[in-house]
Amino acid sequence: MGAQTMITILKNNERMMGKRTKFKKTLGGYGKNRKTEYNFPKATPKQLREIRQKLKKENQILWIKILGITVIIIISLVWMFFAS
């Protein structure tokens, strides 16, 4: 890649930067004073406990799957290494 090509790329990037900042200002959603409000429903301690248990179980199943796949891959790689 020549020096002139790099200079052209840098100039094009500078031109695009100008357009990006103008575009951000027109949307109006990027102001510092704008605060997002959320309306979360209230949860009882029992519901929170159930959610916590459900997430733990899902996470445990995920880790078992990852561990199983990893063991299968390692065993197959070792088998291929010693078979050849």
PDB file of N, CA and C in Angstrom:
ATOM      1  N   MET A   1       0.855  -1.168   0.000  1.00  0.00           N
ATOM      2  CA  MET A   1       0.000   0.000   0.000  1.00  0.00           C
ATOM      3  C   MET A   1       0.900   1.230   0.000  1.00  0.00           C
ATOM      4  N   GLY A   2       0.653   2.127  -0.928  1.00  0.00           N
ATOM      5  CA  GLY A   2       1.474   3.300  -1.061  1.00  0.00           C
ATOM      6  C   GLY A   2       1.101   4.395  -0.078  1.00  0.00           C
ATOM      7  N   ALA A   3       1.992   5.374   0.014  1.00  0.00           N
ATOM      8  CA  ALA A   3       1.775   6.481   0.947  1.00  0.00           C
ATOM      9  C   ALA A   3       0.561   7.315   0.537  1.00  0.00           C
ATOM     10  N   GLN A   4       0.398   7.498  -0.782  1.00  0.00           N
ATOM     11  CA  GLN A   4      -0.725   8.307  -1.257  1.00  0.00           C
ATOM     12  C   GLN A   4      -2.055   7.638  -0.914  1.00  0.00           C
ATOM     13  N   THR A   5      -2.091   6.322  -0.966  1.00  0.00           N
ATOM     14  CA  THR A   5      -3.314   5.589  -0.622  1.00  0.00           C
ATOM     15  C   THR A   5      -3.670   5.794   0.844  1.00  0.00           C
ATOM     16  N   MET A   6      -2.656   5.734   1.712  1.00  0.00           N
ATOM     17  CA  MET A   6      -2.903   5.935   3.139  1.00  0.00           C
ATOM     18  C   MET A   6      -3.395   7.349   3.420  1.00  0.00           C
ATOM     19  N   ILE A   7      -2.814   8.329   2.726  1.00  0.00           N
ATOM     20  CA  ILE A   7      -3.249   9.718   2.916  1.00  0.00           C
ATOM     21  C   ILE A   7      -4.704   9.871   2.484  1.00  0.00           C
ATOM     22  N   THR A   8      -5.073   9.259   1.370  1.00  0.00           N
ATOM     23  CA  THR A   8      -6.449   9.328   0.882  1.00  0.00           C
ATOM     24  C   THR A   8      -7.411   8.686   1.878  1.00  0.00           C
ATOM     25  N   ILE A   9      -7.015   7.543   2.435  1.00  0.00           N
ATOM     26  CA  ILE A   9      -7.871   6.868   3.409  1.00  0.00           C
ATOM     27  C   ILE A   9      -8.074   7.751   4.635  1.00  0.00           C
ATOM     28  N   LEU A  10      -7.020   8.379   5.114  1.00  0.00           N
ATOM     29  CA  LEU A  10      -7.140   9.255   6.288  1.00  0.00           C
ATOM     30  C   LEU A  10      -8.057  10.438   6.003  1.00  0.00           C
ATOM     31  N   LYS A  11      -7.932  11.028   4.814  1.00  0.00           N
ATOM     32  CA  LYS A  11      -8.805  12.155   4.461  1.00  0.00           C
ATOM     33  C   LYS A  11     -10.264  11.721   4.386  1.00  0.00           C
ATOM     34  N   ASN A  12     -10.493  10.559   3.807  1.00  0.00           N
ATOM     35  CA  ASN A  12     -11.870  10.064   3.725  1.00  0.00           C
ATOM     36  C   ASN A  12     -12.445   9.804   5.115  1.00  0.00           C
ATOM     37  N   ASN A  13     -11.633   9.265   6.013  1.00  0.00           N
ATOM     38  CA  ASN A  13     -12.096   9.037   7.381  1.00  0.00           C
ATOM     39  C   ASN A  13     -12.443  10.347   8.075  1.00  0.00           C
ATOM     40  N   GLU A  14     -11.659  11.392   7.851  1.00  0.00           N
ATOM     41  CA  GLU A  14     -11.952  12.702   8.455  1.00  0.00           C
ATOM     42  C   GLU A  14     -13.272  13.249   7.926  1.00  0.00           C
ATOM     43  N   ARG A  15     -13.523  13.084   6.641  1.00  0.00           N
ATOM     44  CA  ARG A  15     -14.788  13.563   6.066  1.00  0.00           C
ATOM     45  C   ARG A  15     -15.975  12.814   6.668  1.00  0.00           C
ATOM     46  N   MET A  16     -15.825  11.516   6.857  1.00  0.00           N
ATOM     47  CA  MET A  16     -16.913  10.726   7.434  1.00  0.00           C
ATOM     48  C   MET A  16     -17.159  11.105   8.895  1.00  0.00           C
ATOM     49  N   MET A  17     -16.121  11.445   9.634  1.00  0.00           N
ATOM     50  CA  MET A  17     -16.282  11.830  11.032  1.00  0.00           C
ATOM     51  C   MET A  17     -17.177  13.060  11.144  1.00  0.00           C
ATOM     52  N   GLY A  18     -17.005  14.015  10.259  1.00  0.00           N
ATOM     53  CA  GLY A  18     -17.827  15.213  10.287  1.00  0.00           C
ATOM     54  C   GLY A  18     -19.298  14.887  10.096  1.00  0.00           C
ATOM     55  N   LYS A  19     -19.602  13.990   9.196  1.00  0.00           N
ATOM     56  CA  LYS A  19     -20.991  13.610   8.936  1.00  0.00           C
ATOM     57  C   LYS A  19     -21.589  12.885  10.140  1.00  0.00           C
ATOM     58  N   ARG A  20     -20.773  12.083  10.803  1.00  0.00           N
ATOM     59  CA  ARG A  20     -21.285  11.330  11.951  1.00  0.00           C
ATOM     60  C   ARG A  20     -21.705  12.267  13.080  1.00  0.00           C
ATOM     61  N   THR A  21     -20.900  13.287  13.365  1.00  0.00           N
ATOM     62  CA  THR A  21     -21.241  14.181  14.471  1.00  0.00           C
ATOM     63  C   THR A  21     -22.495  14.981  14.139  1.00  0.00           C
ATOM     64  N   LYS A  22     -22.670  15.378  12.903  1.00  0.00           N
ATOM     65  CA  LYS A  22     -23.881  16.100  12.527  1.00  0.00           C
ATOM     66  C   LYS A  22     -25.100  15.200  12.682  1.00  0.00           C
ATOM     67  N   PHE A  23     -24.970  13.951  12.298  1.00  0.00           N
ATOM     68  CA  PHE A  23     -26.075  13.014  12.386  1.00  0.00           C
ATOM     69  C   PHE A  23     -26.482  12.790  13.840  1.00  0.00           C
ATOM     70  N   LYS A  24     -25.518  12.715  14.742  1.00  0.00           N
ATOM     71  CA  LYS A  24     -25.829  12.526  16.154  1.00  0.00           C
ATOM     72  C   LYS A  24     -26.626  13.697  16.699  1.00  0.00           C
ATOM     73  N   LYS A  25     -26.276  14.896  16.277  1.00  0.00           N
ATOM     74  CA  LYS A  25     -26.960  16.081  16.793  1.00  0.00           C
ATOM     75  C   LYS A  25     -28.401  16.162  16.308  1.00  0.00           C
ATOM     76  N   THR A  26     -28.696  15.617  15.139  1.00  0.00           N
ATOM     77  CA  THR A  26     -30.057  15.729  14.613  1.00  0.00           C
ATOM     78  C   THR A  26     -31.020  14.756  15.297  1.00  0.00           C
ATOM     79  N   LEU A  27     -30.513  13.643  15.836  1.00  0.00           N
ATOM     80  CA  LEU A  27     -31.410  12.683  16.472  1.00  0.00           C
ATOM     81  C   LEU A  27     -31.949  13.189  17.803  1.00  0.00           C
ATOM     82  N   GLY A  28     -31.161  13.909  18.544  1.00  0.00           N
ATOM     83  CA  GLY A  28     -31.611  14.459  19.810  1.00  0.00           C
ATOM     84  C   GLY A  28     -31.610  13.476  20.959  1.00  0.00           C
ATOM     85  N   GLY A  29     -31.198  12.254  20.739  1.00  0.00           N
ATOM     86  CA  GLY A  29     -31.204  11.253  21.785  1.00  0.00           C
ATOM     87  C   GLY A  29     -29.875  11.081  22.487  1.00  0.00           C
ATOM     88  N   TYR A  30     -28.919  11.923  22.195  1.00  0.00           N
ATOM     89  CA  TYR A  30     -27.579  11.754  22.736  1.00  0.00           C
ATOM     90  C   TYR A  30     -27.205  12.851  23.725  1.00  0.00           C
ATOM     91  N   GLY A  31     -28.161  13.623  24.165  1.00  0.00           N
ATOM     92  CA  GLY A  31     -27.858  14.706  25.094  1.00  0.00           C
ATOM     93  C   GLY A  31     -27.464  14.196  26.471  1.00  0.00           C
ATOM     94  N   LYS A  32     -26.629  14.957  27.163  1.00  0.00           N
ATOM     95  CA  LYS A  32     -26.182  14.567  28.496  1.00  0.00           C
ATOM     96  C   LYS A  32     -27.305  14.715  29.525  1.00  0.00           C
ATOM     97  N   ASN A  33     -28.213  15.644  29.298  1.00  0.00           N
ATOM     98  CA  ASN A  33     -29.280  15.913  30.259  1.00  0.00           C
ATOM     99  C   ASN A  33     -30.453  14.938  30.133  1.00  0.00           C
ATOM    100  N   ARG A  34     -30.471  14.177  29.087  1.00  0.00           N
ATOM    101  CA  ARG A  34     -31.588  13.254  28.865  1.00  0.00           C
ATOM    102  C   ARG A  34     -31.406  12.017  29.742  1.00  0.00           C
ATOM    103  N   LYS A  35     -32.402  11.702  30.532  1.00  0.00           N
ATOM    104  CA  LYS A  35     -32.345  10.572  31.443  1.00  0.00           C
ATOM    105  C   LYS A  35     -33.422   9.563  31.052  1.00  0.00           C
ATOM    106  N   THR A  36     -33.027   8.298  30.944  1.00  0.00           N
ATOM    107  CA  THR A  36     -33.961   7.244  30.588  1.00  0.00           C
ATOM    108  C   THR A  36     -34.685   6.780  31.844  1.00  0.00           C
ATOM    109  N   GLU A  37     -35.990   6.676  31.740  1.00  0.00           N
ATOM    110  CA  GLU A  37     -36.779   6.219  32.877  1.00  0.00           C
ATOM    111  C   GLU A  37     -37.306   4.822  32.588  1.00  0.00           C
ATOM    112  N   TYR A  38     -37.231   3.964  33.590  1.00  0.00           N
ATOM    113  CA  TYR A  38     -37.718   2.597  33.457  1.00  0.00           C
ATOM    114  C   TYR A  38     -38.855   2.380  34.432  1.00  0.00           C
ATOM    115  N   ASN A  39     -39.817   1.590  34.002  1.00  0.00           N
ATOM    116  CA  ASN A  39     -40.952   1.274  34.841  1.00  0.00           C
ATOM    117  C   ASN A  39     -40.923  -0.229  35.121  1.00  0.00           C
ATOM    118  N   PHE A  40     -40.124  -0.640  36.125  1.00  0.00           N
ATOM    119  CA  PHE A  40     -39.994  -2.042  36.454  1.00  0.00           C
ATOM    120  C   PHE A  40     -41.138  -2.480  37.360  1.00  0.00           C
ATOM    121  N   PRO A  41     -41.670  -3.667  37.128  1.00  0.00           N
ATOM    122  CA  PRO A  41     -42.713  -4.168  38.029  1.00  0.00           C
ATOM    123  C   PRO A  41     -42.092  -4.593  39.359  1.00  0.00           C
ATOM    124  N   LYS A  42     -42.865  -4.528  40.410  1.00  0.00           N
ATOM    125  CA  LYS A  42     -42.385  -4.930  41.737  1.00  0.00           C
ATOM    126  C   LYS A  42     -42.374  -6.454  41.814  1.00  0.00           C
ATOM    127  N   ALA A  43     -41.330  -6.999  42.437  1.00  0.00           N
ATOM    128  CA  ALA A  43     -41.207  -8.451  42.579  1.00  0.00           C
ATOM    129  C   ALA A  43     -41.168  -8.803  44.061  1.00  0.00           C
ATOM    130  N   THR A  44     -41.849  -9.862  44.393  1.00  0.00           N
ATOM    131  CA  THR A  44     -41.843 -10.325  45.780  1.00  0.00           C
ATOM    132  C   THR A  44     -40.565 -11.125  46.040  1.00  0.00           C
ATOM    133  N   PRO A  45     -40.158 -11.262  47.283  1.00  0.00           N
ATOM    134  CA  PRO A  45     -38.962 -12.057  47.588  1.00  0.00           C
ATOM    135  C   PRO A  45     -39.071 -13.503  47.089  1.00  0.00           C
ATOM    136  N   LYS A  46     -40.284 -14.059  47.096  1.00  0.00           N
ATOM    137  CA  LYS A  46     -40.482 -15.422  46.605  1.00  0.00           C
ATOM    138  C   LYS A  46     -40.195 -15.499  45.101  1.00  0.00           C
ATOM    139  N   GLN A  47     -40.679 -14.507  44.358  1.00  0.00           N
ATOM    140  CA  GLN A  47     -40.419 -14.479  42.920  1.00  0.00           C
ATOM    141  C   GLN A  47     -38.928 -14.330  42.641  1.00  0.00           C
ATOM    142  N   LEU A  48     -38.266 -13.480  43.404  1.00  0.00           N
ATOM    143  CA  LEU A  48     -36.833 -13.292  43.213  1.00  0.00           C
ATOM    144  C   LEU A  48     -36.067 -14.579  43.509  1.00  0.00           C
ATOM    145  N   ARG A  49     -36.478 -15.311  44.553  1.00  0.00           N
ATOM    146  CA  ARG A  49     -35.841 -16.571  44.898  1.00  0.00           C
ATOM    147  C   ARG A  49     -36.016 -17.584  43.768  1.00  0.00           C
ATOM    148  N   GLU A  50     -37.242 -17.646  43.206  1.00  0.00           N
ATOM    149  CA  GLU A  50     -37.514 -18.574  42.106  1.00  0.00           C
ATOM    150  C   GLU A  50     -36.679 -18.228  40.873  1.00  0.00           C
ATOM    151  N   ILE A  51     -36.574 -16.951  40.583  1.00  0.00           N
ATOM    152  CA  ILE A  51     -35.767 -16.514  39.437  1.00  0.00           C
ATOM    153  C   ILE A  51     -34.303 -16.877  39.663  1.00  0.00           C
ATOM    154  N   ARG A  52     -33.817 -16.654  40.882  1.00  0.00           N
ATOM    155  CA  ARG A  52     -32.422 -16.971  41.207  1.00  0.00           C
ATOM    156  C   ARG A  52     -32.148 -18.463  41.032  1.00  0.00           C
ATOM    157  N   GLN A  53     -33.073 -19.311  41.532  1.00  0.00           N
ATOM    158  CA  GLN A  53     -32.899 -20.755  41.407  1.00  0.00           C
ATOM    159  C   GLN A  53     -32.942 -21.196  39.944  1.00  0.00           C
ATOM    160  N   LYS A  54     -33.855 -20.608  39.178  1.00  0.00           N
ATOM    161  CA  LYS A  54     -33.971 -20.954  37.769  1.00  0.00           C
ATOM    162  C   LYS A  54     -32.691 -20.589  37.015  1.00  0.00           C
ATOM    163  N   LEU A  55     -32.149 -19.404  37.285  1.00  0.00           N
ATOM    164  CA  LEU A  55     -30.922 -18.971  36.621  1.00  0.00           C
ATOM    165  C   LEU A  55     -29.739 -19.851  37.018  1.00  0.00           C
ATOM    166  N   LYS A  56     -29.670 -20.248  38.277  1.00  0.00           N
ATOM    167  CA  LYS A  56     -28.589 -21.129  38.718  1.00  0.00           C
ATOM    168  C   LYS A  56     -28.666 -22.464  37.998  1.00  0.00           C
ATOM    169  N   LYS A  57     -29.871 -23.017  37.867  1.00  0.00           N
ATOM    170  CA  LYS A  57     -30.044 -24.302  37.200  1.00  0.00           C
ATOM    171  C   LYS A  57     -29.673 -24.195  35.721  1.00  0.00           C
ATOM    172  N   GLU A  58     -30.117 -23.126  35.057  1.00  0.00           N
ATOM    173  CA  GLU A  58     -29.781 -22.930  33.650  1.00  0.00           C
ATOM    174  C   GLU A  58     -28.272 -22.786  33.475  1.00  0.00           C
ATOM    175  N   ASN A  59     -27.635 -22.042  34.381  1.00  0.00           N
ATOM    176  CA  ASN A  59     -26.192 -21.845  34.309  1.00  0.00           C
ATOM    177  C   ASN A  59     -25.461 -23.167  34.525  1.00  0.00           C
ATOM    178  N   GLN A  60     -25.952 -23.988  35.443  1.00  0.00           N
ATOM    179  CA  GLN A  60     -25.341 -25.286  35.718  1.00  0.00           C
ATOM    180  C   GLN A  60     -25.445 -26.195  34.486  1.00  0.00           C
ATOM    181  N   ILE A  61     -26.603 -26.212  33.841  1.00  0.00           N
ATOM    182  CA  ILE A  61     -26.791 -27.019  32.641  1.00  0.00           C
ATOM    183  C   ILE A  61     -25.860 -26.537  31.529  1.00  0.00           C
ATOM    184  N   LEU A  62     -25.735 -25.228  31.388  1.00  0.00           N
ATOM    185  CA  LEU A  62     -24.850 -24.671  30.369  1.00  0.00           C
ATOM    186  C   LEU A  62     -23.409 -25.111  30.602  1.00  0.00           C
ATOM    187  N   TRP A  63     -22.946 -25.031  31.848  1.00  0.00           N
ATOM    188  CA  TRP A  63     -21.568 -25.425  32.161  1.00  0.00           C
ATOM    189  C   TRP A  63     -21.349 -26.913  31.937  1.00  0.00           C
ATOM    190  N   ILE A  64     -22.347 -27.744  32.220  1.00  0.00           N
ATOM    191  CA  ILE A  64     -22.225 -29.181  31.971  1.00  0.00           C
ATOM    192  C   ILE A  64     -22.088 -29.438  30.470  1.00  0.00           C
ATOM    193  N   LYS A  65     -22.878 -28.734  29.663  1.00  0.00           N
ATOM    194  CA  LYS A  65     -22.780 -28.878  28.210  1.00  0.00           C
ATOM    195  C   LYS A  65     -21.412 -28.446  27.706  1.00  0.00           C
ATOM    196  N   ILE A  66     -20.923 -27.308  28.181  1.00  0.00           N
ATOM    197  CA  ILE A  66     -19.619 -26.801  27.749  1.00  0.00           C
ATOM    198  C   ILE A  66     -18.521 -27.781  28.150  1.00  0.00           C
ATOM    199  N   LEU A  67     -18.585 -28.274  29.364  1.00  0.00           N
ATOM    200  CA  LEU A  67     -17.589 -29.221  29.845  1.00  0.00           C
ATOM    201  C   LEU A  67     -17.635 -30.516  29.034  1.00  0.00           C
ATOM    202  N   GLY A  68     -18.828 -31.005  28.738  1.00  0.00           N
ATOM    203  CA  GLY A  68     -18.967 -32.223  27.947  1.00  0.00           C
ATOM    204  C   GLY A  68     -18.389 -32.066  26.552  1.00  0.00           C
ATOM    205  N   ILE A  69     -18.711 -30.969  25.896  1.00  0.00           N
ATOM    206  CA  ILE A  69     -18.196 -30.719  24.546  1.00  0.00           C
ATOM    207  C   ILE A  69     -16.675 -30.581  24.572  1.00  0.00           C
ATOM    208  N   THR A  70     -16.147 -29.900  25.574  1.00  0.00           N
ATOM    209  CA  THR A  70     -14.701 -29.728  25.691  1.00  0.00           C
ATOM    210  C   THR A  70     -14.011 -31.073  25.888  1.00  0.00           C
ATOM    211  N   VAL A  71     -14.560 -31.925  26.746  1.00  0.00           N
ATOM    212  CA  VAL A  71     -13.970 -33.253  26.980  1.00  0.00           C
ATOM    213  C   VAL A  71     -14.006 -34.076  25.703  1.00  0.00           C
ATOM    214  N   ILE A  72     -15.107 -34.035  24.974  1.00  0.00           N
ATOM    215  CA  ILE A  72     -15.216 -34.788  23.717  1.00  0.00           C
ATOM    216  C   ILE A  72     -14.173 -34.299  22.710  1.00  0.00           C
ATOM    217  N   ILE A  73     -14.004 -33.011  22.599  1.00  0.00           N
ATOM    218  CA  ILE A  73     -13.027 -32.450  21.660  1.00  0.00           C
ATOM    219  C   ILE A  73     -11.615 -32.857  22.059  1.00  0.00           C
ATOM    220  N   ILE A  74     -11.284 -32.765  23.337  1.00  0.00           N
ATOM    221  CA  ILE A  74      -9.944 -33.119  23.792  1.00  0.00           C
ATOM    222  C   ILE A  74      -9.676 -34.603  23.566  1.00  0.00           C
ATOM    223  N   ILE A  75     -10.645 -35.459  23.875  1.00  0.00           N
ATOM    224  CA  ILE A  75     -10.474 -36.893  23.667  1.00  0.00           C
ATOM    225  C   ILE A  75     -10.276 -37.202  22.182  1.00  0.00           C
ATOM    226  N   SER A  76     -11.065 -36.558  21.330  1.00  0.00           N
ATOM    227  CA  SER A  76     -10.919 -36.812  19.892  1.00  0.00           C
ATOM    228  C   SER A  76      -9.574 -36.324  19.380  1.00  0.00           C
ATOM    229  N   LEU A  77      -9.086 -35.194  19.872  1.00  0.00           N
ATOM    230  CA  LEU A  77      -7.771 -34.703  19.441  1.00  0.00           C
ATOM    231  C   LEU A  77      -6.664 -35.635  19.908  1.00  0.00           C
ATOM    232  N   VAL A  78      -6.747 -36.110  21.142  1.00  0.00           N
ATOM    233  CA  VAL A  78      -5.743 -37.045  21.648  1.00  0.00           C
ATOM    234  C   VAL A  78      -5.794 -38.345  20.856  1.00  0.00           C
ATOM    235  N   TRP A  79      -6.990 -38.843  20.546  1.00  0.00           N
ATOM    236  CA  TRP A  79      -7.135 -40.068  19.776  1.00  0.00           C
ATOM    237  C   TRP A  79      -6.534 -39.903  18.381  1.00  0.00           C
ATOM    238  N   MET A  80      -6.814 -38.745  17.735  1.00  0.00           N
ATOM    239  CA  MET A  80      -6.260 -38.494  16.409  1.00  0.00           C
ATOM    240  C   MET A  80      -4.737 -38.378  16.466  1.00  0.00           C
ATOM    241  N   PHE A  81      -4.194 -37.822  17.528  1.00  0.00           N
ATOM    242  CA  PHE A  81      -2.755 -37.651  17.657  1.00  0.00           C
ATOM    243  C   PHE A  81      -2.062 -38.998  17.796  1.00  0.00           C
ATOM    244  N   PHE A  82      -2.622 -39.874  18.613  1.00  0.00           N
ATOM    245  CA  PHE A  82      -2.000 -41.167  18.846  1.00  0.00           C
ATOM    246  C   PHE A  82      -2.341 -42.185  17.756  1.00  0.00           C
ATOM    247  N   ALA A  83      -3.417 -41.980  17.007  1.00  0.00           N
ATOM    248  CA  ALA A  83      -3.798 -42.914  15.952  1.00  0.00           C
ATOM    249  C   ALA A  83      -2.902 -42.779  14.730  1.00  0.00           C
ATOM    250  N   SER A  84      -2.329 -41.616  14.539  1.00  0.00           N
ATOM    251  CA  SER A  84      -1.506 -41.416  13.335  1.00  0.00           C
ATOM    252  C   SER A  84      -0.071 -41.749  13.522  1.00  0.00           C
TER     253      SER A  84
END
